[in-house]
Amino acid sequence: VLCSMFAFLANMPVVNSIDVFLGVARFFVVGVGGVLFGLLFGFAAAFTSRFTNRVREIEPLFVFMFSYLAYLVAELFAISSVMA
């Protein structure tokens, strides 16, 4: 996010203070959004694995599936997929 923001600001003829503020705000939105997506899918994985006490073999499937799904959805919305 920082690299793309600096590249965008470097190509602008005049940089206003609002452009810098919006770039910093986008940095925090991307970071916090990734964490929120991670928490959302983490709670979904915990809730789903709660009901697998008879079939313990699929618990790792749910854990990996929900973590990969969080990564894909974060990439879809252009937020931090690594933090998700």
PDB file of N, CA and C in Angstrom:
ATOM      1  N   VAL A   1       0.829  -1.179   0.000  1.00  0.00           N
ATOM      2  CA  VAL A   1       0.000   0.000   0.000  1.00  0.00           C
ATOM      3  C   VAL A   1       0.877   1.248   0.000  1.00  0.00           C
ATOM      4  N   LEU A   2       1.911   1.249   0.811  1.00  0.00           N
ATOM      5  CA  LEU A   2       2.792   2.410   0.859  1.00  0.00           C
ATOM      6  C   LEU A   2       3.499   2.640  -0.464  1.00  0.00           C
ATOM      7  N   CYS A   3       3.952   1.576  -1.082  1.00  0.00           N
ATOM      8  CA  CYS A   3       4.649   1.702  -2.361  1.00  0.00           C
ATOM      9  C   CYS A   3       3.730   2.265  -3.432  1.00  0.00           C
ATOM     10  N   SER A   4       2.506   1.760  -3.524  1.00  0.00           N
ATOM     11  CA  SER A   4       1.577   2.272  -4.528  1.00  0.00           C
ATOM     12  C   SER A   4       1.161   3.706  -4.208  1.00  0.00           C
ATOM     13  N   MET A   5       1.051   4.039  -2.918  1.00  0.00           N
ATOM     14  CA  MET A   5       0.698   5.407  -2.550  1.00  0.00           C
ATOM     15  C   MET A   5       1.815   6.374  -2.926  1.00  0.00           C
ATOM     16  N   PHE A   6       3.071   6.010  -2.644  1.00  0.00           N
ATOM     17  CA  PHE A   6       4.187   6.882  -2.988  1.00  0.00           C
ATOM     18  C   PHE A   6       4.348   7.012  -4.505  1.00  0.00           C
ATOM     19  N   ALA A   7       4.118   5.949  -5.232  1.00  0.00           N
ATOM     20  CA  ALA A   7       4.196   6.013  -6.691  1.00  0.00           C
ATOM     21  C   ALA A   7       3.101   6.912  -7.256  1.00  0.00           C
ATOM     22  N   PHE A   8       1.914   6.828  -6.675  1.00  0.00           N
ATOM     23  CA  PHE A   8       0.805   7.683  -7.120  1.00  0.00           C
ATOM     24  C   PHE A   8       1.103   9.146  -6.810  1.00  0.00           C
ATOM     25  N   LEU A   9       1.629   9.422  -5.609  1.00  0.00           N
ATOM     26  CA  LEU A   9       1.939  10.800  -5.241  1.00  0.00           C
ATOM     27  C   LEU A   9       3.114  11.354  -6.038  1.00  0.00           C
ATOM     28  N   ALA A  10       4.042  10.510  -6.425  1.00  0.00           N
ATOM     29  CA  ALA A  10       5.193  10.971  -7.203  1.00  0.00           C
ATOM     30  C   ALA A  10       4.796  11.378  -8.614  1.00  0.00           C
ATOM     31  N   ASN A  11       3.751  10.794  -9.159  1.00  0.00           N
ATOM     32  CA  ASN A  11       3.303  11.117 -10.510  1.00  0.00           C
ATOM     33  C   ASN A  11       2.350  12.307 -10.565  1.00  0.00           C
ATOM     34  N   MET A  12       1.922  12.800  -9.412  1.00  0.00           N
ATOM     35  CA  MET A  12       1.004  13.946  -9.387  1.00  0.00           C
ATOM     36  C   MET A  12       1.783  15.245  -9.590  1.00  0.00           C
ATOM     37  N   PRO A  13       1.230  16.183 -10.361  1.00  0.00           N
ATOM     38  CA  PRO A  13       1.942  17.454 -10.554  1.00  0.00           C
ATOM     39  C   PRO A  13       1.961  18.306  -9.278  1.00  0.00           C
ATOM     40  N   VAL A  14       0.848  18.300  -8.536  1.00  0.00           N
ATOM     41  CA  VAL A  14       0.757  19.056  -7.285  1.00  0.00           C
ATOM     42  C   VAL A  14       0.178  18.116  -6.225  1.00  0.00           C
ATOM     43  N   VAL A  15       0.872  18.018  -5.109  1.00  0.00           N
ATOM     44  CA  VAL A  15       0.411  17.142  -4.027  1.00  0.00           C
ATOM     45  C   VAL A  15      -0.223  18.017  -2.953  1.00  0.00           C
ATOM     46  N   ASN A  16      -1.502  17.785  -2.718  1.00  0.00           N
ATOM     47  CA  ASN A  16      -2.224  18.519  -1.680  1.00  0.00           C
ATOM     48  C   ASN A  16      -2.149  17.757  -0.371  1.00  0.00           C
ATOM     49  N   SER A  17      -2.447  18.435   0.706  1.00  0.00           N
ATOM     50  CA  SER A  17      -2.419  17.781   2.013  1.00  0.00           C
ATOM     51  C   SER A  17      -3.537  16.752   2.132  1.00  0.00           C
ATOM     52  N   ILE A  18      -4.652  16.965   1.443  1.00  0.00           N
ATOM     53  CA  ILE A  18      -5.747  15.994   1.492  1.00  0.00           C
ATOM     54  C   ILE A  18      -5.347  14.686   0.818  1.00  0.00           C
ATOM     55  N   ASP A  19      -4.512  14.758  -0.209  1.00  0.00           N
ATOM     56  CA  ASP A  19      -4.039  13.541  -0.869  1.00  0.00           C
ATOM     57  C   ASP A  19      -3.165  12.718   0.071  1.00  0.00           C
ATOM     58  N   VAL A  20      -2.331  13.388   0.824  1.00  0.00           N
ATOM     59  CA  VAL A  20      -1.477  12.687   1.797  1.00  0.00           C
ATOM     60  C   VAL A  20      -2.335  12.081   2.898  1.00  0.00           C
ATOM     61  N   PHE A  21      -3.327  12.829   3.369  1.00  0.00           N
ATOM     62  CA  PHE A  21      -4.222  12.316   4.409  1.00  0.00           C
ATOM     63  C   PHE A  21      -4.991  11.093   3.926  1.00  0.00           C
ATOM     64  N   LEU A  22      -5.498  11.149   2.693  1.00  0.00           N
ATOM     65  CA  LEU A  22      -6.233  10.004   2.149  1.00  0.00           C
ATOM     66  C   LEU A  22      -5.332   8.785   1.964  1.00  0.00           C
ATOM     67  N   GLY A  23      -4.073   9.006   1.593  1.00  0.00           N
ATOM     68  CA  GLY A  23      -3.136   7.891   1.473  1.00  0.00           C
ATOM     69  C   GLY A  23      -2.845   7.233   2.803  1.00  0.00           C
ATOM     70  N   VAL A  24      -2.660   8.040   3.845  1.00  0.00           N
ATOM     71  CA  VAL A  24      -2.421   7.493   5.190  1.00  0.00           C
ATOM     72  C   VAL A  24      -3.666   6.774   5.696  1.00  0.00           C
ATOM     73  N   ALA A  25      -4.843   7.351   5.428  1.00  0.00           N
ATOM     74  CA  ALA A  25      -6.091   6.708   5.843  1.00  0.00           C
ATOM     75  C   ALA A  25      -6.275   5.374   5.137  1.00  0.00           C
ATOM     76  N   ARG A  26      -5.929   5.305   3.851  1.00  0.00           N
ATOM     77  CA  ARG A  26      -6.049   4.043   3.115  1.00  0.00           C
ATOM     78  C   ARG A  26      -5.121   2.986   3.690  1.00  0.00           C
ATOM     79  N   PHE A  27      -3.933   3.399   4.112  1.00  0.00           N
ATOM     80  CA  PHE A  27      -2.998   2.461   4.729  1.00  0.00           C
ATOM     81  C   PHE A  27      -3.621   1.810   5.957  1.00  0.00           C
ATOM     82  N   PHE A  28      -4.268   2.599   6.803  1.00  0.00           N
ATOM     83  CA  PHE A  28      -4.876   2.038   8.006  1.00  0.00           C
ATOM     84  C   PHE A  28      -6.141   1.242   7.695  1.00  0.00           C
ATOM     85  N   VAL A  29      -6.892   1.651   6.701  1.00  0.00           N
ATOM     86  CA  VAL A  29      -8.092   0.895   6.308  1.00  0.00           C
ATOM     87  C   VAL A  29      -7.703  -0.480   5.794  1.00  0.00           C
ATOM     88  N   VAL A  30      -6.648  -0.551   5.007  1.00  0.00           N
ATOM     89  CA  VAL A  30      -6.196  -1.829   4.463  1.00  0.00           C
ATOM     90  C   VAL A  30      -5.703  -2.735   5.588  1.00  0.00           C
ATOM     91  N   GLY A  31      -4.958  -2.195   6.519  1.00  0.00           N
ATOM     92  CA  GLY A  31      -4.442  -3.007   7.623  1.00  0.00           C
ATOM     93  C   GLY A  31      -5.529  -3.478   8.565  1.00  0.00           C
ATOM     94  N   VAL A  32      -6.385  -2.569   8.991  1.00  0.00           N
ATOM     95  CA  VAL A  32      -7.462  -2.921   9.929  1.00  0.00           C
ATOM     96  C   VAL A  32      -8.487  -3.820   9.239  1.00  0.00           C
ATOM     97  N   GLY A  33      -8.755  -3.575   7.969  1.00  0.00           N
ATOM     98  CA  GLY A  33      -9.692  -4.433   7.237  1.00  0.00           C
ATOM     99  C   GLY A  33      -9.199  -5.866   7.145  1.00  0.00           C
ATOM    100  N   GLY A  34      -7.894  -6.049   6.946  1.00  0.00           N
ATOM    101  CA  GLY A  34      -7.342  -7.399   6.916  1.00  0.00           C
ATOM    102  C   GLY A  34      -7.491  -8.111   8.242  1.00  0.00           C
ATOM    103  N   VAL A  35      -7.257  -7.384   9.318  1.00  0.00           N
ATOM    104  CA  VAL A  35      -7.409  -7.988  10.648  1.00  0.00           C
ATOM    105  C   VAL A  35      -8.873  -8.345  10.914  1.00  0.00           C
ATOM    106  N   LEU A  36      -9.782  -7.471  10.519  1.00  0.00           N
ATOM    107  CA  LEU A  36     -11.207  -7.755  10.746  1.00  0.00           C
ATOM    108  C   LEU A  36     -11.688  -8.953   9.935  1.00  0.00           C
ATOM    109  N   PHE A  37     -11.230  -9.063   8.687  1.00  0.00           N
ATOM    110  CA  PHE A  37     -11.586 -10.244   7.904  1.00  0.00           C
ATOM    111  C   PHE A  37     -11.008 -11.505   8.537  1.00  0.00           C
ATOM    112  N   GLY A  38      -9.792 -11.424   9.041  1.00  0.00           N
ATOM    113  CA  GLY A  38      -9.190 -12.575   9.715  1.00  0.00           C
ATOM    114  C   GLY A  38      -9.971 -12.989  10.948  1.00  0.00           C
ATOM    115  N   LEU A  39     -10.398 -12.011  11.737  1.00  0.00           N
ATOM    116  CA  LEU A  39     -11.194 -12.329  12.921  1.00  0.00           C
ATOM    117  C   LEU A  39     -12.551 -12.913  12.550  1.00  0.00           C
ATOM    118  N   LEU A  40     -13.173 -12.362  11.531  1.00  0.00           N
ATOM    119  CA  LEU A  40     -14.478 -12.857  11.106  1.00  0.00           C
ATOM    120  C   LEU A  40     -14.411 -14.313  10.661  1.00  0.00           C
ATOM    121  N   PHE A  41     -13.434 -14.626   9.809  1.00  0.00           N
ATOM    122  CA  PHE A  41     -13.313 -16.000   9.343  1.00  0.00           C
ATOM    123  C   PHE A  41     -12.757 -16.916  10.433  1.00  0.00           C
ATOM    124  N   GLY A  42     -11.995 -16.374  11.357  1.00  0.00           N
ATOM    125  CA  GLY A  42     -11.529 -17.176  12.488  1.00  0.00           C
ATOM    126  C   GLY A  42     -12.675 -17.595  13.392  1.00  0.00           C
ATOM    127  N   PHE A  43     -13.591 -16.666  13.659  1.00  0.00           N
ATOM    128  CA  PHE A  43     -14.766 -17.016  14.454  1.00  0.00           C
ATOM    129  C   PHE A  43     -15.652 -18.014  13.716  1.00  0.00           C
ATOM    130  N   ALA A  44     -15.764 -17.856  12.399  1.00  0.00           N
ATOM    131  CA  ALA A  44     -16.554 -18.815  11.621  1.00  0.00           C
ATOM    132  C   ALA A  44     -15.922 -20.201  11.672  1.00  0.00           C
ATOM    133  N   ALA A  45     -14.601 -20.273  11.604  1.00  0.00           N
ATOM    134  CA  ALA A  45     -13.917 -21.570  11.689  1.00  0.00           C
ATOM    135  C   ALA A  45     -14.082 -22.183  13.077  1.00  0.00           C
ATOM    136  N   ALA A  46     -13.993 -21.354  14.108  1.00  0.00           N
ATOM    137  CA  ALA A  46     -14.166 -21.872  15.469  1.00  0.00           C
ATOM    138  C   ALA A  46     -15.592 -22.363  15.679  1.00  0.00           C
ATOM    139  N   PHE A  47     -16.566 -21.621  15.160  1.00  0.00           N
ATOM    140  CA  PHE A  47     -17.956 -22.038  15.308  1.00  0.00           C
ATOM    141  C   PHE A  47     -18.244 -23.320  14.545  1.00  0.00           C
ATOM    142  N   THR A  48     -17.677 -23.444  13.354  1.00  0.00           N
ATOM    143  CA  THR A  48     -17.902 -24.641  12.551  1.00  0.00           C
ATOM    144  C   THR A  48     -17.210 -25.853  13.148  1.00  0.00           C
ATOM    145  N   SER A  49     -15.994 -25.687  13.635  1.00  0.00           N
ATOM    146  CA  SER A  49     -15.284 -26.831  14.205  1.00  0.00           C
ATOM    147  C   SER A  49     -15.859 -27.254  15.548  1.00  0.00           C
ATOM    148  N   ARG A  50     -16.707 -26.437  16.111  1.00  0.00           N
ATOM    149  CA  ARG A  50     -17.367 -26.797  17.371  1.00  0.00           C
ATOM    150  C   ARG A  50     -18.297 -27.999  17.197  1.00  0.00           C
ATOM    151  N   PHE A  51     -18.820 -28.151  16.002  1.00  0.00           N
ATOM    152  CA  PHE A  51     -19.790 -29.216  15.744  1.00  0.00           C
ATOM    153  C   PHE A  51     -19.169 -30.453  15.113  1.00  0.00           C
ATOM    154  N   THR A  52     -17.865 -30.567  15.129  1.00  0.00           N
ATOM    155  CA  THR A  52     -17.207 -31.725  14.519  1.00  0.00           C
ATOM    156  C   THR A  52     -16.625 -32.660  15.567  1.00  0.00           C
ATOM    157  N   ASN A  53     -17.271 -32.774  16.706  1.00  0.00           N
ATOM    158  CA  ASN A  53     -16.708 -33.632  17.757  1.00  0.00           C
ATOM    159  C   ASN A  53     -16.826 -35.121  17.424  1.00  0.00           C
ATOM    160  N   ARG A  54     -17.749 -35.505  16.552  1.00  0.00           N
ATOM    161  CA  ARG A  54     -17.855 -36.917  16.173  1.00  0.00           C
ATOM    162  C   ARG A  54     -16.916 -37.269  15.024  1.00  0.00           C
ATOM    163  N   VAL A  55     -16.613 -36.288  14.193  1.00  0.00           N
ATOM    164  CA  VAL A  55     -15.736 -36.517  13.051  1.00  0.00           C
ATOM    165  C   VAL A  55     -14.536 -35.583  13.202  1.00  0.00           C
ATOM    166  N   ARG A  56     -13.537 -36.011  13.948  1.00  0.00           N
ATOM    167  CA  ARG A  56     -12.384 -35.164  14.245  1.00  0.00           C
ATOM    168  C   ARG A  56     -11.441 -35.008  13.049  1.00  0.00           C
ATOM    169  N   GLU A  57     -11.608 -35.841  12.052  1.00  0.00           N
ATOM    170  CA  GLU A  57     -10.697 -35.801  10.915  1.00  0.00           C
ATOM    171  C   GLU A  57     -10.913 -34.580  10.024  1.00  0.00           C
ATOM    172  N   ILE A  58     -12.120 -33.978  10.070  1.00  0.00           N
ATOM    173  CA  ILE A  58     -12.343 -32.830   9.207  1.00  0.00           C
ATOM    174  C   ILE A  58     -12.036 -31.504   9.867  1.00  0.00           C
ATOM    175  N   GLU A  59     -11.659 -31.468  11.116  1.00  0.00           N
ATOM    176  CA  GLU A  59     -11.315 -30.199  11.759  1.00  0.00           C
ATOM    177  C   GLU A  59     -10.169 -29.477  11.058  1.00  0.00           C
ATOM    178  N   PRO A  60      -9.078 -30.146  10.704  1.00  0.00           N
ATOM    179  CA  PRO A  60      -8.028 -29.422   9.975  1.00  0.00           C
ATOM    180  C   PRO A  60      -8.496 -28.898   8.619  1.00  0.00           C
ATOM    181  N   LEU A  61      -9.415 -29.609   7.991  1.00  0.00           N
ATOM    182  CA  LEU A  61      -9.963 -29.136   6.713  1.00  0.00           C
ATOM    183  C   LEU A  61     -10.678 -27.810   6.893  1.00  0.00           C
ATOM    184  N   PHE A  62     -11.484 -27.692   7.950  1.00  0.00           N
ATOM    185  CA  PHE A  62     -12.182 -26.437   8.198  1.00  0.00           C
ATOM    186  C   PHE A  62     -11.216 -25.312   8.529  1.00  0.00           C
ATOM    187  N   VAL A  63     -10.191 -25.605   9.290  1.00  0.00           N
ATOM    188  CA  VAL A  63      -9.219 -24.571   9.661  1.00  0.00           C
ATOM    189  C   VAL A  63      -8.505 -24.043   8.423  1.00  0.00           C
ATOM    190  N   PHE A  64      -8.014 -24.944   7.581  1.00  0.00           N
ATOM    191  CA  PHE A  64      -7.303 -24.512   6.380  1.00  0.00           C
ATOM    192  C   PHE A  64      -8.247 -23.890   5.362  1.00  0.00           C
ATOM    193  N   MET A  65      -9.456 -24.399   5.269  1.00  0.00           N
ATOM    194  CA  MET A  65     -10.408 -23.869   4.313  1.00  0.00           C
ATOM    195  C   MET A  65     -10.803 -22.433   4.665  1.00  0.00           C
ATOM    196  N   PHE A  66     -11.099 -22.182   5.932  1.00  0.00           N
ATOM    197  CA  PHE A  66     -11.507 -20.839   6.320  1.00  0.00           C
ATOM    198  C   PHE A  66     -10.348 -19.849   6.265  1.00  0.00           C
ATOM    199  N   SER A  67      -9.141 -20.285   6.563  1.00  0.00           N
ATOM    200  CA  SER A  67      -8.011 -19.358   6.470  1.00  0.00           C
ATOM    201  C   SER A  67      -7.725 -19.006   5.008  1.00  0.00           C
ATOM    202  N   TYR A  68      -7.817 -19.969   4.119  1.00  0.00           N
ATOM    203  CA  TYR A  68      -7.616 -19.687   2.698  1.00  0.00           C
ATOM    204  C   TYR A  68      -8.762 -18.843   2.145  1.00  0.00           C
ATOM    205  N   LEU A  69      -9.970 -19.087   2.620  1.00  0.00           N
ATOM    206  CA  LEU A  69     -11.111 -18.290   2.198  1.00  0.00           C
ATOM    207  C   LEU A  69     -10.967 -16.840   2.660  1.00  0.00           C
ATOM    208  N   ALA A  70     -10.436 -16.629   3.855  1.00  0.00           N
ATOM    209  CA  ALA A  70     -10.184 -15.267   4.337  1.00  0.00           C
ATOM    210  C   ALA A  70      -9.155 -14.577   3.457  1.00  0.00           C
ATOM    211  N   TYR A  71      -8.125 -15.308   3.056  1.00  0.00           N
ATOM    212  CA  TYR A  71      -7.110 -14.763   2.162  1.00  0.00           C
ATOM    213  C   TYR A  71      -7.720 -14.353   0.826  1.00  0.00           C
ATOM    214  N   LEU A  72      -8.558 -15.212   0.258  1.00  0.00           N
ATOM    215  CA  LEU A  72      -9.152 -14.926  -1.050  1.00  0.00           C
ATOM    216  C   LEU A  72     -10.130 -13.753  -0.997  1.00  0.00           C
ATOM    217  N   VAL A  73     -10.937 -13.689   0.039  1.00  0.00           N
ATOM    218  CA  VAL A  73     -11.905 -12.597   0.154  1.00  0.00           C
ATOM    219  C   VAL A  73     -11.191 -11.275   0.387  1.00  0.00           C
ATOM    220  N   ALA A  74     -10.118 -11.291   1.166  1.00  0.00           N
ATOM    221  CA  ALA A  74      -9.349 -10.059   1.376  1.00  0.00           C
ATOM    222  C   ALA A  74      -8.700  -9.607   0.077  1.00  0.00           C
ATOM    223  N   GLU A  75      -8.194 -10.529  -0.717  1.00  0.00           N
ATOM    224  CA  GLU A  75      -7.646 -10.167  -2.020  1.00  0.00           C
ATOM    225  C   GLU A  75      -8.727  -9.608  -2.946  1.00  0.00           C
ATOM    226  N   LEU A  76      -9.929 -10.140  -2.831  1.00  0.00           N
ATOM    227  CA  LEU A  76     -11.040  -9.673  -3.648  1.00  0.00           C
ATOM    228  C   LEU A  76     -11.370  -8.209  -3.353  1.00  0.00           C
ATOM    229  N   PHE A  77     -11.318  -7.820  -2.091  1.00  0.00           N
ATOM    230  CA  PHE A  77     -11.633  -6.455  -1.700  1.00  0.00           C
ATOM    231  C   PHE A  77     -10.408  -5.544  -1.623  1.00  0.00           C
ATOM    232  N   ALA A  78      -9.256  -6.020  -2.055  1.00  0.00           N
ATOM    233  CA  ALA A  78      -8.011  -5.252  -2.106  1.00  0.00           C
ATOM    234  C   ALA A  78      -7.598  -4.714  -0.747  1.00  0.00           C
ATOM    235  N   ILE A  79      -7.734  -5.563   0.276  1.00  0.00           N
ATOM    236  CA  ILE A  79      -7.202  -5.214   1.590  1.00  0.00           C
ATOM    237  C   ILE A  79      -6.104  -6.209   1.923  1.00  0.00           C
ATOM    238  N   SER A  80      -5.497  -6.062   3.064  1.00  0.00           N
ATOM    239  CA  SER A  80      -4.333  -6.866   3.396  1.00  0.00           C
ATOM    240  C   SER A  80      -4.706  -8.331   3.551  1.00  0.00           C
ATOM    241  N   SER A  81      -4.380  -9.111   2.561  1.00  0.00           N
ATOM    242  CA  SER A  81      -4.715 -10.532   2.612  1.00  0.00           C
ATOM    243  C   SER A  81      -3.755 -11.301   3.514  1.00  0.00           C
ATOM    244  N   VAL A  82      -2.555 -10.790   3.702  1.00  0.00           N
ATOM    245  CA  VAL A  82      -1.609 -11.457   4.586  1.00  0.00           C
ATOM    246  C   VAL A  82      -2.071 -11.345   6.028  1.00  0.00           C
ATOM    247  N   MET A  83      -2.621 -10.211   6.400  1.00  0.00           N
ATOM    248  CA  MET A  83      -3.117 -10.037   7.762  1.00  0.00           C
ATOM    249  C   MET A  83      -4.438 -10.766   7.983  1.00  0.00           C
ATOM    250  N   ALA A  84      -5.147 -11.081   6.915  1.00  0.00           N
ATOM    251  CA  ALA A  84      -6.397 -11.809   7.049  1.00  0.00           C
ATOM    252  C   ALA A  84      -6.095 -13.245   7.386  1.00  0.00           C
TER     253      ALA A  84
END
